[in-house]
C-alpha atoms as a PDB file:
ATOM      1  CA  UNK A   1      34.124   6.786   5.589  1.00  0.00           C
ATOM      2  CA  UNK A   2      33.407   9.125   8.496  1.00  0.00           C
ATOM      3  CA  UNK A   3      30.374  10.493   6.694  1.00  0.00           C
ATOM      4  CA  UNK A   4      28.312   7.294   6.448  1.00  0.00           C
ATOM      5  CA  UNK A   5      27.507   6.587  10.130  1.00  0.00           C
ATOM      6  CA  UNK A   6      25.874   9.949  10.455  1.00  0.00           C
ATOM      7  CA  UNK A   7      22.345  10.744  11.745  1.00  0.00           C
ATOM      8  CA  UNK A   8      21.380  12.933   8.805  1.00  0.00           C
ATOM      9  CA  UNK A   9      22.703  10.462   6.233  1.00  0.00           C
ATOM     10  CA  UNK A  10      20.909   7.539   7.903  1.00  0.00           C
ATOM     11  CA  UNK A  11      17.661   9.527   7.962  1.00  0.00           C
ATOM     12  CA  UNK A  12      18.075  10.288   4.255  1.00  0.00           C
ATOM     13  CA  UNK A  13      18.629   6.618   3.398  1.00  0.00           C
ATOM     14  CA  UNK A  14      15.464   5.704   5.209  1.00  0.00           C
ATOM     15  CA  UNK A  15      13.488   6.869   2.185  1.00  0.00           C
ATOM     16  CA  UNK A  16      14.700   3.874   0.281  1.00  0.00           C
ATOM     17  CA  UNK A  17      12.505   1.500   2.361  1.00  0.00           C
ATOM     18  CA  UNK A  18       9.550   3.664   3.501  1.00  0.00           C
ATOM     19  CA  UNK A  19       7.336   2.663   0.547  1.00  0.00           C
ATOM     20  CA  UNK A  20       8.130  -1.005   1.002  1.00  0.00           C
ATOM     21  CA  UNK A  21       7.580  -0.697   4.747  1.00  0.00           C
ATOM     22  CA  UNK A  22       4.150   0.799   4.229  1.00  0.00           C
ATOM     23  CA  UNK A  23       3.113  -2.007   1.955  1.00  0.00           C
ATOM     24  CA  UNK A  24       4.472  -4.542   4.429  1.00  0.00           C
ATOM     25  CA  UNK A  25       2.200  -3.529   7.287  1.00  0.00           C
ATOM     26  CA  UNK A  26      -1.059  -4.904   5.904  1.00  0.00           C
ATOM     27  CA  UNK A  27       0.837  -7.832   4.361  1.00  0.00           C
ATOM     28  CA  UNK A  28       1.628  -8.957   7.904  1.00  0.00           C
ATOM     29  CA  UNK A  29      -2.163  -9.263   8.490  1.00  0.00           C
ATOM     30  CA  UNK A  30      -2.670 -11.164   5.317  1.00  0.00           C
ATOM     31  CA  UNK A  31       0.194 -13.562   5.940  1.00  0.00           C
ATOM     32  CA  UNK A  32      -1.075 -14.286   9.466  1.00  0.00           C
ATOM     33  CA  UNK A  33      -4.391 -15.417   7.996  1.00  0.00           C
ATOM     34  CA  UNK A  34      -2.519 -17.765   5.611  1.00  0.00           C
ATOM     35  CA  UNK A  35      -2.867 -15.779   2.405  1.00  0.00           C
ATOM     36  CA  UNK A  36      -0.547 -13.675   0.304  1.00  0.00           C
ATOM     37  CA  UNK A  37      -0.849 -10.626  -1.981  1.00  0.00           C
ATOM     38  CA  UNK A  38       1.636 -10.485  -4.791  1.00  0.00           C
ATOM     39  CA  UNK A  39      -0.090  -7.638  -6.629  1.00  0.00           C
ATOM     40  CA  UNK A  40       0.834  -4.764  -4.279  1.00  0.00           C
ATOM     41  CA  UNK A  41       3.756  -3.432  -6.357  1.00  0.00           C
ATOM     42  CA  UNK A  42       1.519  -3.427  -9.490  1.00  0.00           C
ATOM     43  CA  UNK A  43      -1.217  -1.504  -7.533  1.00  0.00           C
ATOM     44  CA  UNK A  44       1.510   0.917  -6.459  1.00  0.00           C
ATOM     45  CA  UNK A  45       2.516   1.356 -10.120  1.00  0.00           C
ATOM     46  CA  UNK A  46      -1.057   1.579 -11.386  1.00  0.00           C
ATOM     47  CA  UNK A  47      -2.114   4.202  -8.867  1.00  0.00           C
ATOM     48  CA  UNK A  48       0.954   6.310  -9.270  1.00  0.00           C
ATOM     49  CA  UNK A  49       0.713   6.088 -13.077  1.00  0.00           C
ATOM     50  CA  UNK A  50      -3.045   6.961 -13.089  1.00  0.00           C
ATOM     51  CA  UNK A  51      -2.462   9.904 -10.787  1.00  0.00           C
ATOM     52  CA  UNK A  52       0.388  11.176 -13.007  1.00  0.00           C
ATOM     53  CA  UNK A  53      -1.663  10.615 -16.187  1.00  0.00           C
ATOM     54  CA  UNK A  54      -4.606  12.627 -14.787  1.00  0.00           C
ATOM     55  CA  UNK A  55      -2.304  15.386 -13.498  1.00  0.00           C
ATOM     56  CA  UNK A  56      -0.569  15.659 -16.950  1.00  0.00           C
ATOM     57  CA  UNK A  57      -4.130  15.905 -18.405  1.00  0.00           C
ATOM     58  CA  UNK A  58      -4.846  19.056 -16.368  1.00  0.00           C
ATOM     59  CA  UNK A  59      -6.465  17.631 -13.218  1.00  0.00           C
ATOM     60  CA  UNK A  60      -5.821  19.121  -9.815  1.00  0.00           C
ATOM     61  CA  UNK A  61      -3.231  17.050  -8.156  1.00  0.00           C
ATOM     62  CA  UNK A  62      -5.343  16.161  -5.125  1.00  0.00           C
ATOM     63  CA  UNK A  63      -8.332  15.217  -7.208  1.00  0.00           C
ATOM     64  CA  UNK A  64      -6.043  12.980  -9.202  1.00  0.00           C
ATOM     65  CA  UNK A  65      -4.838  11.418  -5.984  1.00  0.00           C
ATOM     66  CA  UNK A  66      -8.346  10.827  -4.775  1.00  0.00           C
ATOM     67  CA  UNK A  67      -9.489   9.163  -8.029  1.00  0.00           C
ATOM     68  CA  UNK A  68      -6.293   6.957  -8.102  1.00  0.00           C
ATOM     69  CA  UNK A  69      -6.884   5.984  -4.470  1.00  0.00           C
ATOM     70  CA  UNK A  70     -10.508   4.898  -5.291  1.00  0.00           C
ATOM     71  CA  UNK A  71      -9.175   2.813  -8.231  1.00  0.00           C
ATOM     72  CA  UNK A  72      -6.779   1.173  -5.769  1.00  0.00           C
ATOM     73  CA  UNK A  73      -9.691   0.264  -3.478  1.00  0.00           C
ATOM     74  CA  UNK A  74     -11.419  -1.307  -6.391  1.00  0.00           C
ATOM     75  CA  UNK A  75      -8.362  -3.296  -7.282  1.00  0.00           C
ATOM     76  CA  UNK A  76      -8.136  -4.546  -3.679  1.00  0.00           C
ATOM     77  CA  UNK A  77     -11.871  -5.422  -3.725  1.00  0.00           C
ATOM     78  CA  UNK A  78     -11.463  -7.472  -6.872  1.00  0.00           C
ATOM     79  CA  UNK A  79      -8.565  -9.372  -5.226  1.00  0.00           C
ATOM     80  CA  UNK A  80     -10.533  -9.943  -1.983  1.00  0.00           C
ATOM     81  CA  UNK A  81     -13.769 -10.881  -3.730  1.00  0.00           C
ATOM     82  CA  UNK A  82     -12.104 -13.539  -5.900  1.00  0.00           C
ATOM     83  CA  UNK A  83     -10.300 -14.966  -2.841  1.00  0.00           C
ATOM     84  CA  UNK A  84     -13.010 -14.620  -0.155  1.00  0.00           C
ATOM     85  CA  UNK A  85     -16.174 -15.075  -2.182  1.00  0.00           C
ATOM     86  CA  UNK A  86     -15.062 -17.203  -5.085  1.00  0.00           C
ATOM     87  CA  UNK A  87     -12.666 -19.267  -2.893  1.00  0.00           C
ATOM     88  CA  UNK A  88      -9.824 -19.041  -5.417  1.00  0.00           C
ATOM     89  CA  UNK A  89      -6.213 -19.370  -4.060  1.00  0.00           C
ATOM     90  CA  UNK A  90      -4.731 -16.077  -3.205  1.00  0.00           C
ATOM     91  CA  UNK A  91      -1.459 -16.986  -4.836  1.00  0.00           C
ATOM     92  CA  UNK A  92      -3.198 -17.580  -8.160  1.00  0.00           C
ATOM     93  CA  UNK A  93      -5.436 -14.626  -8.003  1.00  0.00           C
ATOM     94  CA  UNK A  94      -2.786 -12.003  -7.074  1.00  0.00           C
ATOM     95  CA  UNK A  95      -0.315 -13.412  -9.664  1.00  0.00           C
ATOM     96  CA  UNK A  96      -3.020 -12.818 -12.268  1.00  0.00           C
ATOM     97  CA  UNK A  97      -3.942  -9.350 -11.017  1.00  0.00           C
ATOM     98  CA  UNK A  98      -0.260  -8.518 -10.733  1.00  0.00           C
ATOM     99  CA  UNK A  99      -0.051  -8.825 -14.535  1.00  0.00           C
ATOM    100  CA  UNK A 100      -3.381  -7.111 -15.160  1.00  0.00           C
ATOM    101  CA  UNK A 101      -2.678  -3.979 -13.011  1.00  0.00           C
ATOM    102  CA  UNK A 102       0.892  -3.597 -14.266  1.00  0.00           C
ATOM    103  CA  UNK A 103      -0.443  -3.888 -17.839  1.00  0.00           C
ATOM    104  CA  UNK A 104      -2.943  -1.094 -17.152  1.00  0.00           C
ATOM    105  CA  UNK A 105      -0.157   1.120 -15.801  1.00  0.00           C
ATOM    106  CA  UNK A 106       1.796   0.563 -19.020  1.00  0.00           C
ATOM    107  CA  UNK A 107      -1.278   1.394 -21.058  1.00  0.00           C
ATOM    108  CA  UNK A 108      -1.601   4.780 -19.170  1.00  0.00           C
ATOM    109  CA  UNK A 109       1.916   6.111 -19.419  1.00  0.00           C
ATOM    110  CA  UNK A 110       3.830   3.766 -21.682  1.00  0.00           C
ATOM    111  CA  UNK A 111       7.447   4.971 -21.677  1.00  0.00           C
ATOM    112  CA  UNK A 112       6.503   8.449 -20.660  1.00  0.00           C
ATOM    113  CA  UNK A 113       6.991  10.057 -17.232  1.00  0.00           C
ATOM    114  CA  UNK A 114       4.682  12.408 -15.397  1.00  0.00           C
ATOM    115  CA  UNK A 115       6.434  15.450 -13.925  1.00  0.00           C
ATOM    116  CA  UNK A 116       5.956  18.937 -12.663  1.00  0.00           C
ATOM    117  CA  UNK A 117       4.151  18.104  -9.451  1.00  0.00           C
ATOM    118  CA  UNK A 118       3.473  20.991  -7.036  1.00  0.00           C
ATOM    119  CA  UNK A 119       5.515  21.266  -3.920  1.00  0.00           C
ATOM    120  CA  UNK A 120       2.473  20.552  -1.752  1.00  0.00           C
ATOM    121  CA  UNK A 121       2.469  17.057  -3.211  1.00  0.00           C
ATOM    122  CA  UNK A 122       6.245  16.394  -3.434  1.00  0.00           C
ATOM    123  CA  UNK A 123       6.410  17.161   0.245  1.00  0.00           C
ATOM    124  CA  UNK A 124       5.066  13.648   0.821  1.00  0.00           C
ATOM    125  CA  UNK A 125       8.203  12.072  -0.481  1.00  0.00           C
ATOM    126  CA  UNK A 126      10.798  14.910  -0.155  1.00  0.00           C
ATOM    127  CA  UNK A 127       9.630  16.954   2.828  1.00  0.00           C
ATOM    128  CA  UNK A 128      11.117  16.978   6.326  1.00  0.00           C
ATOM    129  CA  UNK A 129       9.654  17.854   9.719  1.00  0.00           C
ATOM    130  CA  UNK A 130      10.387  21.570  10.056  1.00  0.00           C
ATOM    131  CA  UNK A 131      14.134  22.264  10.065  1.00  0.00           C
ATOM    132  CA  UNK A 132      15.038  18.724  11.135  1.00  0.00           C
ATOM    133  CA  UNK A 133      16.322  15.958   8.893  1.00  0.00           C
ATOM    134  CA  UNK A 134      13.490  13.597   9.731  1.00  0.00           C
ATOM    135  CA  UNK A 135      11.723  12.746   6.502  1.00  0.00           C
ATOM    136  CA  UNK A 136       7.911  13.057   6.521  1.00  0.00           C
ATOM    137  CA  UNK A 137       7.623   9.618   4.875  1.00  0.00           C
ATOM    138  CA  UNK A 138       9.532   7.992   7.709  1.00  0.00           C
ATOM    139  CA  UNK A 139       7.358   9.577  10.373  1.00  0.00           C
ATOM    140  CA  UNK A 140       4.233   8.411   8.467  1.00  0.00           C
ATOM    141  CA  UNK A 141       5.645   4.910   8.357  1.00  0.00           C
ATOM    142  CA  UNK A 142       6.330   4.942  12.148  1.00  0.00           C
ATOM    143  CA  UNK A 143       2.936   6.165  12.939  1.00  0.00           C
ATOM    144  CA  UNK A 144       1.231   3.546  10.723  1.00  0.00           C
ATOM    145  CA  UNK A 145       3.480   0.850  12.207  1.00  0.00           C
ATOM    146  CA  UNK A 146       2.320   1.716  15.767  1.00  0.00           C
ATOM    147  CA  UNK A 147      -1.336   1.775  14.662  1.00  0.00           C
ATOM    148  CA  UNK A 148      -1.063  -1.598  12.852  1.00  0.00           C
ATOM    149  CA  UNK A 149       0.766  -3.100  15.819  1.00  0.00           C
ATOM    150  CA  UNK A 150      -1.866  -2.000  18.263  1.00  0.00           C
ATOM    151  CA  UNK A 151      -4.602  -3.333  16.131  1.00  0.00           C
ATOM    152  CA  UNK A 152      -2.865  -6.637  15.699  1.00  0.00           C
ATOM    153  CA  UNK A 153      -2.010  -7.169  19.359  1.00  0.00           C
ATOM    154  CA  UNK A 154      -4.576  -5.182  21.281  1.00  0.00           C
ATOM    155  CA  UNK A 155      -7.906  -5.587  19.502  1.00  0.00           C
ATOM    156  CA  UNK A 156     -10.499  -8.305  18.823  1.00  0.00           C
ATOM    157  CA  UNK A 157      -9.806  -7.901  15.170  1.00  0.00           C
ATOM    158  CA  UNK A 158      -6.213  -8.889  15.652  1.00  0.00           C
ATOM    159  CA  UNK A 159      -7.196 -11.946  17.588  1.00  0.00           C
ATOM    160  CA  UNK A 160      -9.497 -12.932  14.740  1.00  0.00           C
ATOM    161  CA  UNK A 161      -6.580 -12.815  12.406  1.00  0.00           C
ATOM    162  CA  UNK A 162      -4.602 -15.219  14.400  1.00  0.00           C
ATOM    163  CA  UNK A 163      -7.605 -17.506  14.795  1.00  0.00           C
ATOM    164  CA  UNK A 164      -8.251 -17.509  11.062  1.00  0.00           C
ATOM    165  CA  UNK A 165      -4.648 -18.351  10.345  1.00  0.00           C
ATOM    166  CA  UNK A 166      -4.770 -21.202  12.841  1.00  0.00           C
ATOM    167  CA  UNK A 167      -8.088 -22.663  11.512  1.00  0.00           C
ATOM    168  CA  UNK A 168     -10.404 -20.675   9.248  1.00  0.00           C
ATOM    169  CA  UNK A 169     -13.226 -23.203   9.347  1.00  0.00           C
ATOM    170  CA  UNK A 170     -13.236 -23.278  13.132  1.00  0.00           C
ATOM    171  CA  UNK A 171     -13.202 -19.508  13.206  1.00  0.00           C
ATOM    172  CA  UNK A 172     -16.148 -19.417  10.862  1.00  0.00           C
ATOM    173  CA  UNK A 173     -18.079 -21.788  13.037  1.00  0.00           C
ATOM    174  CA  UNK A 174     -17.251 -19.732  16.053  1.00  0.00           C
ATOM    175  CA  UNK A 175     -18.979 -16.714  14.559  1.00  0.00           C
ATOM    176  CA  UNK A 176     -16.018 -14.926  12.958  1.00  0.00           C
ATOM    177  CA  UNK A 177     -16.875 -13.253   9.691  1.00  0.00           C
ATOM    178  CA  UNK A 178     -13.949 -14.859   7.852  1.00  0.00           C
ATOM    179  CA  UNK A 179     -14.916 -13.902   4.239  1.00  0.00           C
ATOM    180  CA  UNK A 180     -15.597 -10.297   5.279  1.00  0.00           C
ATOM    181  CA  UNK A 181     -12.307  -9.866   7.065  1.00  0.00           C
ATOM    182  CA  UNK A 182     -10.397 -11.408   4.155  1.00  0.00           C
ATOM    183  CA  UNK A 183     -12.062  -9.040   1.746  1.00  0.00           C
ATOM    184  CA  UNK A 184     -11.286  -6.013   4.025  1.00  0.00           C
ATOM    185  CA  UNK A 185      -7.630  -7.127   4.336  1.00  0.00           C
ATOM    186  CA  UNK A 186      -7.027  -7.048   0.588  1.00  0.00           C
ATOM    187  CA  UNK A 187      -8.817  -3.680   0.285  1.00  0.00           C
ATOM    188  CA  UNK A 188      -6.555  -2.344   3.136  1.00  0.00           C
ATOM    189  CA  UNK A 189      -3.502  -3.849   1.370  1.00  0.00           C
ATOM    190  CA  UNK A 190      -4.395  -1.994  -1.893  1.00  0.00           C
ATOM    191  CA  UNK A 191      -5.028   1.249   0.008  1.00  0.00           C
ATOM    192  CA  UNK A 192      -1.538   1.074   1.605  1.00  0.00           C
ATOM    193  CA  UNK A 193      -0.015   0.191  -1.849  1.00  0.00           C
ATOM    194  CA  UNK A 194      -1.683   3.315  -3.287  1.00  0.00           C
ATOM    195  CA  UNK A 195      -0.308   5.453  -0.375  1.00  0.00           C
ATOM    196  CA  UNK A 196       3.163   4.052  -1.051  1.00  0.00           C
ATOM    197  CA  UNK A 197       2.713   4.846  -4.803  1.00  0.00           C
ATOM    198  CA  UNK A 198       1.981   8.460  -4.000  1.00  0.00           C
ATOM    199  CA  UNK A 199       4.971   8.757  -1.692  1.00  0.00           C
ATOM    200  CA  UNK A 200       7.214   7.180  -4.344  1.00  0.00           C
ATOM    201  CA  UNK A 201       5.964   9.437  -7.038  1.00  0.00           C
ATOM    202  CA  UNK A 202       6.402  12.474  -4.741  1.00  0.00           C
ATOM    203  CA  UNK A 203       9.919  11.397  -3.856  1.00  0.00           C
ATOM    204  CA  UNK A 204      11.101  11.084  -7.486  1.00  0.00           C
ATOM    205  CA  UNK A 205       9.030  14.055  -8.557  1.00  0.00           C
END
């Protein structure tokens, strides 16, 4: 087909991976340290569902977004606290919270769908830059990717991540706040999952 290898078409299809790409960025940090977070998709679903549920209940869309984002941070904190403070395996913890957060999302909306979002919100997932074909979500992903890349390769924090992944105990004895960094990574992961959830909800409307 002469219409597939086309700039506009390729830019449109980029929306199919933007949400996954945004969730992948903090996951790189977590994997480097030797852990994993399997609950990100459930946090995405929970935050998007909570936002939609609040909006359908008459809340202002941006207030609903703020509340859902705070809930996501709490979800990430629970993951991080159980892993960093309670020393439980990340695989076990995030499999458990995967089911918990997904279950909460089902409780909120069930088989219903939130709809009728204002254009100011749907722009996150459907908008483009001016008159161009560049999706706003794609630009956001590129900016975040650059920021995460710089943090990983150009900061002390990034070097700490590699040190923790190589030997967490040696890093701890060297003065690295291993538990605090692990906790912050899971909170960051949940925050990015929430952002991805908002973009996904905005894209589907």
